[in-house]
Amino acid sequence: MSSSMTLAHLPRRQAVVVFLAFALAYFFSALVRAITATLSPTLTADFQLSAQDLGLLAGGYFLGFSLTQLPLGRWLDRHGPKKVILAFCRWRCWVAWHFRGQRVSRACWPPACSAAWA
């Protein structure tokens, strides 16, 4: 490193917030990856799934994750994170609103909202 280069440091509070955001994202990712193994006895009993079916279910997470990487990176580069996150939130609300009477969308809303629709 040359003497003309200086390193910019984040303020301590901002560095902690960034660290916690990434730690939470990593925890959520690890949780989603491990949930199939944790729930495998219940999934096997309730849905009569074989070991191969459970493997495909767990692999679906990785397939979905990998398929979103390139388009999401391009959207983030082109439009910025605020617009992309807002677009995903709008899309989620639209889907939940239009499918609000069905069981799939009830899982997306807090229990109080689901009870209000019943």
N, C-alpha and C. Protein backbone atom coordinates (compact mmCIF):
# COMPACT_ATOMS: atom_id res chain seq x y z
N MET A 1 0.85 -1.16 0.00
CA MET A 1 0.00 0.00 0.00
C MET A 1 0.90 1.23 0.00
N SER A 2 0.59 2.18 -0.84
CA SER A 2 1.41 3.39 -0.90
C SER A 2 1.00 4.36 0.20
N SER A 3 1.89 5.30 0.48
CA SER A 3 1.62 6.26 1.54
C SER A 3 0.55 7.27 1.14
N SER A 4 0.27 7.41 -0.15
CA SER A 4 -0.75 8.37 -0.59
C SER A 4 -2.17 7.84 -0.42
N MET A 5 -2.31 6.53 -0.21
CA MET A 5 -3.64 5.94 -0.05
C MET A 5 -4.04 6.03 1.43
N THR A 6 -5.23 6.47 1.67
CA THR A 6 -5.75 6.49 3.03
C THR A 6 -7.00 5.63 3.10
N LEU A 7 -7.18 5.03 4.23
CA LEU A 7 -8.35 4.19 4.43
C LEU A 7 -9.42 4.99 5.17
N ALA A 8 -10.60 4.98 4.63
CA ALA A 8 -11.71 5.65 5.28
C ALA A 8 -12.40 4.66 6.21
N HIS A 9 -12.64 5.07 7.42
CA HIS A 9 -13.30 4.21 8.40
C HIS A 9 -14.71 4.71 8.66
N LEU A 10 -15.60 3.75 8.84
CA LEU A 10 -16.97 4.10 9.21
C LEU A 10 -17.00 4.51 10.68
N PRO A 11 -17.90 5.39 11.02
CA PRO A 11 -18.09 5.66 12.45
C PRO A 11 -18.53 4.38 13.15
N ARG A 12 -18.21 4.24 14.42
CA ARG A 12 -18.46 3.01 15.16
C ARG A 12 -19.94 2.59 15.09
N ARG A 13 -20.84 3.52 15.30
CA ARG A 13 -22.28 3.20 15.29
C ARG A 13 -22.70 2.66 13.93
N GLN A 14 -22.26 3.30 12.87
CA GLN A 14 -22.62 2.86 11.52
C GLN A 14 -22.00 1.49 11.23
N ALA A 15 -20.79 1.26 11.68
CA ALA A 15 -20.14 -0.03 11.47
C ALA A 15 -20.90 -1.14 12.19
N VAL A 16 -21.39 -0.86 13.39
CA VAL A 16 -22.16 -1.85 14.13
C VAL A 16 -23.47 -2.15 13.42
N VAL A 17 -24.14 -1.13 12.91
CA VAL A 17 -25.40 -1.33 12.19
C VAL A 17 -25.17 -2.17 10.93
N VAL A 18 -24.12 -1.89 10.19
CA VAL A 18 -23.80 -2.66 8.99
C VAL A 18 -23.50 -4.11 9.36
N PHE A 19 -22.70 -4.30 10.41
CA PHE A 19 -22.37 -5.65 10.84
C PHE A 19 -23.62 -6.42 11.24
N LEU A 20 -24.49 -5.80 12.03
CA LEU A 20 -25.71 -6.48 12.46
C LEU A 20 -26.64 -6.80 11.30
N ALA A 21 -26.71 -5.92 10.31
CA ALA A 21 -27.53 -6.20 9.14
C ALA A 21 -27.03 -7.43 8.39
N PHE A 22 -25.72 -7.49 8.19
CA PHE A 22 -25.15 -8.66 7.50
C PHE A 22 -25.25 -9.91 8.36
N ALA A 23 -25.08 -9.79 9.66
CA ALA A 23 -25.21 -10.95 10.55
C ALA A 23 -26.63 -11.48 10.53
N LEU A 24 -27.62 -10.60 10.54
CA LEU A 24 -29.02 -11.02 10.48
C LEU A 24 -29.33 -11.70 9.14
N ALA A 25 -28.82 -11.15 8.06
CA ALA A 25 -29.03 -11.76 6.75
C ALA A 25 -28.39 -13.15 6.68
N TYR A 26 -27.19 -13.29 7.24
CA TYR A 26 -26.52 -14.60 7.25
C TYR A 26 -27.30 -15.59 8.10
N PHE A 27 -27.77 -15.14 9.27
CA PHE A 27 -28.55 -16.01 10.14
C PHE A 27 -29.82 -16.48 9.43
N PHE A 28 -30.51 -15.58 8.77
CA PHE A 28 -31.73 -15.94 8.05
C PHE A 28 -31.43 -16.94 6.93
N SER A 29 -30.33 -16.71 6.20
CA SER A 29 -29.94 -17.62 5.14
C SER A 29 -29.63 -19.01 5.69
N ALA A 30 -28.89 -19.07 6.80
CA ALA A 30 -28.56 -20.36 7.42
C ALA A 30 -29.83 -21.05 7.93
N LEU A 31 -30.75 -20.27 8.48
CA LEU A 31 -32.01 -20.82 8.97
C LEU A 31 -32.82 -21.45 7.84
N VAL A 32 -32.92 -20.75 6.74
CA VAL A 32 -33.69 -21.27 5.60
C VAL A 32 -33.04 -22.53 5.05
N ARG A 33 -31.70 -22.57 5.04
CA ARG A 33 -31.01 -23.77 4.54
C ARG A 33 -31.20 -24.96 5.47
N ALA A 34 -31.28 -24.71 6.77
CA ALA A 34 -31.35 -25.81 7.75
C ALA A 34 -32.77 -26.22 8.08
N ILE A 35 -33.75 -25.45 7.68
CA ILE A 35 -35.12 -25.74 8.11
C ILE A 35 -35.63 -27.06 7.55
N THR A 36 -35.20 -27.43 6.36
CA THR A 36 -35.66 -28.69 5.77
C THR A 36 -35.16 -29.87 6.59
N ALA A 37 -33.90 -29.82 7.01
CA ALA A 37 -33.36 -30.91 7.82
C ALA A 37 -34.04 -30.97 9.19
N THR A 38 -34.33 -29.81 9.74
CA THR A 38 -34.98 -29.76 11.05
C THR A 38 -36.41 -30.30 10.99
N LEU A 39 -37.11 -29.97 9.94
CA LEU A 39 -38.51 -30.39 9.82
C LEU A 39 -38.70 -31.69 9.04
N SER A 40 -37.61 -32.37 8.68
CA SER A 40 -37.74 -33.56 7.84
C SER A 40 -38.64 -34.64 8.44
N PRO A 41 -38.60 -34.93 9.75
CA PRO A 41 -39.55 -35.94 10.25
C PRO A 41 -41.01 -35.52 10.07
N THR A 42 -41.30 -34.26 10.31
CA THR A 42 -42.68 -33.77 10.16
C THR A 42 -43.09 -33.76 8.70
N LEU A 43 -42.20 -33.28 7.83
CA LEU A 43 -42.52 -33.26 6.40
C LEU A 43 -42.73 -34.65 5.85
N THR A 44 -41.88 -35.59 6.29
CA THR A 44 -42.01 -36.97 5.82
C THR A 44 -43.33 -37.58 6.26
N ALA A 45 -43.71 -37.33 7.51
CA ALA A 45 -44.95 -37.90 8.02
C ALA A 45 -46.19 -37.24 7.41
N ASP A 46 -46.19 -35.93 7.34
CA ASP A 46 -47.39 -35.22 6.88
C ASP A 46 -47.62 -35.33 5.38
N PHE A 47 -46.54 -35.29 4.60
CA PHE A 47 -46.68 -35.27 3.14
C PHE A 47 -46.18 -36.53 2.46
N GLN A 48 -45.83 -37.55 3.24
CA GLN A 48 -45.31 -38.81 2.71
C GLN A 48 -44.16 -38.58 1.72
N LEU A 49 -43.18 -37.78 2.13
CA LEU A 49 -42.04 -37.48 1.27
C LEU A 49 -40.93 -38.50 1.48
N SER A 50 -40.27 -38.85 0.39
CA SER A 50 -39.11 -39.73 0.48
C SER A 50 -37.87 -38.88 0.69
N ALA A 51 -36.74 -39.54 0.88
CA ALA A 51 -35.48 -38.82 1.06
C ALA A 51 -35.15 -38.01 -0.20
N GLN A 52 -35.47 -38.58 -1.36
CA GLN A 52 -35.23 -37.86 -2.62
C GLN A 52 -36.10 -36.61 -2.70
N ASP A 53 -37.34 -36.71 -2.28
CA ASP A 53 -38.25 -35.55 -2.28
C ASP A 53 -37.74 -34.46 -1.34
N LEU A 54 -37.25 -34.87 -0.17
CA LEU A 54 -36.70 -33.89 0.78
C LEU A 54 -35.46 -33.21 0.20
N GLY A 55 -34.65 -33.97 -0.51
CA GLY A 55 -33.47 -33.39 -1.16
C GLY A 55 -33.86 -32.38 -2.22
N LEU A 56 -34.88 -32.70 -3.00
CA LEU A 56 -35.36 -31.74 -4.01
C LEU A 56 -35.94 -30.49 -3.36
N LEU A 57 -36.64 -30.67 -2.24
CA LEU A 57 -37.19 -29.53 -1.52
C LEU A 57 -36.07 -28.62 -1.01
N ALA A 58 -35.05 -29.21 -0.42
CA ALA A 58 -33.91 -28.42 0.07
C ALA A 58 -33.16 -27.78 -1.09
N GLY A 59 -33.02 -28.49 -2.19
CA GLY A 59 -32.34 -27.95 -3.36
C GLY A 59 -33.09 -26.83 -4.03
N GLY A 60 -34.41 -26.78 -3.83
CA GLY A 60 -35.21 -25.70 -4.40
C GLY A 60 -34.78 -24.34 -3.89
N TYR A 61 -34.36 -24.28 -2.63
CA TYR A 61 -33.87 -23.02 -2.06
C TYR A 61 -32.64 -22.55 -2.84
N PHE A 62 -31.69 -23.46 -3.05
CA PHE A 62 -30.47 -23.09 -3.76
C PHE A 62 -30.74 -22.73 -5.21
N LEU A 63 -31.65 -23.43 -5.84
CA LEU A 63 -32.01 -23.12 -7.22
C LEU A 63 -32.64 -21.73 -7.30
N GLY A 64 -33.60 -21.46 -6.43
CA GLY A 64 -34.23 -20.15 -6.43
C GLY A 64 -33.24 -19.04 -6.11
N PHE A 65 -32.37 -19.29 -5.16
CA PHE A 65 -31.35 -18.31 -4.79
C PHE A 65 -30.42 -18.02 -5.96
N SER A 66 -29.98 -19.07 -6.65
CA SER A 66 -29.04 -18.87 -7.75
C SER A 66 -29.71 -18.20 -8.95
N LEU A 67 -30.97 -18.48 -9.19
CA LEU A 67 -31.66 -17.88 -10.33
C LEU A 67 -31.92 -16.39 -10.14
N THR A 68 -31.94 -15.92 -8.90
CA THR A 68 -32.20 -14.51 -8.66
C THR A 68 -30.93 -13.66 -8.60
N GLN A 69 -29.77 -14.27 -8.53
CA GLN A 69 -28.54 -13.50 -8.33
C GLN A 69 -28.23 -12.54 -9.47
N LEU A 70 -28.23 -13.01 -10.69
CA LEU A 70 -27.86 -12.14 -11.81
C LEU A 70 -28.90 -11.05 -12.09
N PRO A 71 -30.19 -11.38 -12.16
CA PRO A 71 -31.15 -10.29 -12.39
C PRO A 71 -31.17 -9.29 -11.23
N LEU A 72 -31.10 -9.77 -10.01
CA LEU A 72 -31.13 -8.87 -8.87
C LEU A 72 -29.91 -7.96 -8.84
N GLY A 73 -28.74 -8.51 -9.14
CA GLY A 73 -27.54 -7.68 -9.21
C GLY A 73 -27.64 -6.61 -10.28
N ARG A 74 -28.19 -6.98 -11.41
CA ARG A 74 -28.35 -6.00 -12.48
C ARG A 74 -29.34 -4.90 -12.08
N TRP A 75 -30.46 -5.29 -11.45
CA TRP A 75 -31.44 -4.30 -11.00
C TRP A 75 -30.84 -3.37 -9.95
N LEU A 76 -30.07 -3.95 -9.03
CA LEU A 76 -29.44 -3.12 -8.00
C LEU A 76 -28.45 -2.14 -8.60
N ASP A 77 -27.67 -2.58 -9.57
CA ASP A 77 -26.71 -1.68 -10.22
C ASP A 77 -27.41 -0.59 -11.02
N ARG A 78 -28.48 -0.95 -11.68
CA ARG A 78 -29.17 -0.01 -12.55
C ARG A 78 -30.05 0.98 -11.79
N HIS A 79 -30.79 0.49 -10.79
CA HIS A 79 -31.80 1.32 -10.13
C HIS A 79 -31.46 1.71 -8.70
N GLY A 80 -30.52 1.04 -8.07
CA GLY A 80 -30.17 1.34 -6.69
C GLY A 80 -30.98 0.50 -5.70
N PRO A 81 -30.44 0.31 -4.50
CA PRO A 81 -31.11 -0.58 -3.54
C PRO A 81 -32.45 -0.07 -3.04
N LYS A 82 -32.61 1.23 -2.87
CA LYS A 82 -33.88 1.75 -2.34
C LYS A 82 -35.03 1.45 -3.29
N LYS A 83 -34.83 1.69 -4.57
CA LYS A 83 -35.90 1.45 -5.54
C LYS A 83 -36.20 -0.03 -5.69
N VAL A 84 -35.16 -0.87 -5.64
CA VAL A 84 -35.37 -2.31 -5.80
C VAL A 84 -36.12 -2.87 -4.60
N ILE A 85 -35.73 -2.49 -3.40
CA ILE A 85 -36.42 -2.97 -2.21
C ILE A 85 -37.87 -2.50 -2.20
N LEU A 86 -38.08 -1.25 -2.56
CA LEU A 86 -39.44 -0.72 -2.62
C LEU A 86 -40.28 -1.48 -3.66
N ALA A 87 -39.69 -1.80 -4.79
CA ALA A 87 -40.41 -2.55 -5.82
C ALA A 87 -40.79 -3.94 -5.31
N PHE A 88 -39.87 -4.62 -4.61
CA PHE A 88 -40.19 -5.93 -4.05
C PHE A 88 -41.28 -5.82 -2.99
N CYS A 89 -41.27 -4.79 -2.17
CA CYS A 89 -42.32 -4.60 -1.16
C CYS A 89 -43.66 -4.34 -1.82
N ARG A 90 -43.67 -3.52 -2.85
CA ARG A 90 -44.92 -3.27 -3.57
C ARG A 90 -45.46 -4.54 -4.20
N TRP A 91 -44.57 -5.32 -4.81
CA TRP A 91 -44.98 -6.57 -5.44
C TRP A 91 -45.56 -7.53 -4.41
N ARG A 92 -44.92 -7.64 -3.26
CA ARG A 92 -45.39 -8.53 -2.20
C ARG A 92 -46.77 -8.10 -1.72
N CYS A 93 -46.95 -6.81 -1.53
CA CYS A 93 -48.26 -6.31 -1.09
C CYS A 93 -49.32 -6.57 -2.15
N TRP A 94 -48.98 -6.38 -3.41
CA TRP A 94 -49.92 -6.62 -4.50
C TRP A 94 -50.34 -8.09 -4.53
N VAL A 95 -49.37 -9.00 -4.43
CA VAL A 95 -49.67 -10.43 -4.45
C VAL A 95 -50.53 -10.80 -3.25
N ALA A 96 -50.14 -10.33 -2.08
CA ALA A 96 -50.91 -10.67 -0.87
C ALA A 96 -52.32 -10.12 -0.95
N TRP A 97 -52.49 -8.92 -1.50
CA TRP A 97 -53.82 -8.33 -1.60
C TRP A 97 -54.70 -9.10 -2.58
N HIS A 98 -54.14 -9.45 -3.74
CA HIS A 98 -54.94 -10.11 -4.77
C HIS A 98 -55.24 -11.58 -4.46
N PHE A 99 -54.44 -12.18 -3.58
CA PHE A 99 -54.69 -13.57 -3.21
C PHE A 99 -55.07 -13.67 -1.74
N ARG A 100 -55.67 -12.63 -1.19
CA ARG A 100 -55.94 -12.56 0.24
C ARG A 100 -56.92 -13.59 0.74
N GLY A 101 -57.77 -14.12 -0.10
CA GLY A 101 -58.74 -15.11 0.34
C GLY A 101 -58.22 -16.53 0.31
N GLN A 102 -57.02 -16.71 -0.17
CA GLN A 102 -56.47 -18.06 -0.31
C GLN A 102 -55.47 -18.34 0.80
N ARG A 103 -55.23 -19.59 1.06
CA ARG A 103 -54.35 -19.98 2.16
C ARG A 103 -52.91 -19.53 1.95
N VAL A 104 -52.44 -19.46 0.72
CA VAL A 104 -51.05 -19.09 0.45
C VAL A 104 -50.77 -17.68 0.94
N SER A 105 -51.66 -16.74 0.66
CA SER A 105 -51.40 -15.37 1.06
C SER A 105 -51.57 -15.16 2.56
N ARG A 106 -52.37 -15.97 3.21
CA ARG A 106 -52.53 -15.82 4.66
C ARG A 106 -51.23 -16.09 5.39
N ALA A 107 -50.37 -16.90 4.83
CA ALA A 107 -49.07 -17.14 5.44
C ALA A 107 -48.16 -15.93 5.33
N CYS A 108 -48.44 -15.03 4.39
CA CYS A 108 -47.61 -13.85 4.18
C CYS A 108 -47.94 -12.71 5.13
N TRP A 109 -49.11 -12.72 5.71
CA TRP A 109 -49.56 -11.61 6.56
C TRP A 109 -49.46 -12.00 8.02
N PRO A 110 -49.34 -11.02 8.89
CA PRO A 110 -49.37 -11.31 10.33
C PRO A 110 -50.72 -11.93 10.72
N PRO A 111 -50.77 -12.70 11.82
CA PRO A 111 -52.01 -13.36 12.21
C PRO A 111 -53.19 -12.40 12.39
N ALA A 112 -52.92 -11.19 12.87
CA ALA A 112 -54.02 -10.25 13.09
C ALA A 112 -54.69 -9.89 11.76
N CYS A 113 -53.92 -9.73 10.72
CA CYS A 113 -54.49 -9.41 9.40
C CYS A 113 -55.24 -10.60 8.85
N SER A 114 -54.71 -11.81 9.03
CA SER A 114 -55.39 -12.99 8.55
C SER A 114 -56.72 -13.19 9.25
N ALA A 115 -56.76 -12.89 10.55
CA ALA A 115 -58.00 -13.02 11.31
C ALA A 115 -59.04 -12.01 10.84
N ALA A 116 -58.58 -10.84 10.42
CA ALA A 116 -59.49 -9.81 9.96
C ALA A 116 -60.15 -10.21 8.64
N TRP A 117 -59.47 -11.02 7.83
CA TRP A 117 -60.03 -11.44 6.55
C TRP A 117 -60.98 -12.61 6.70
N ALA A 118 -60.88 -13.34 7.78
CA ALA A 118 -61.68 -14.57 7.95
C ALA A 118 -63.16 -14.25 8.10
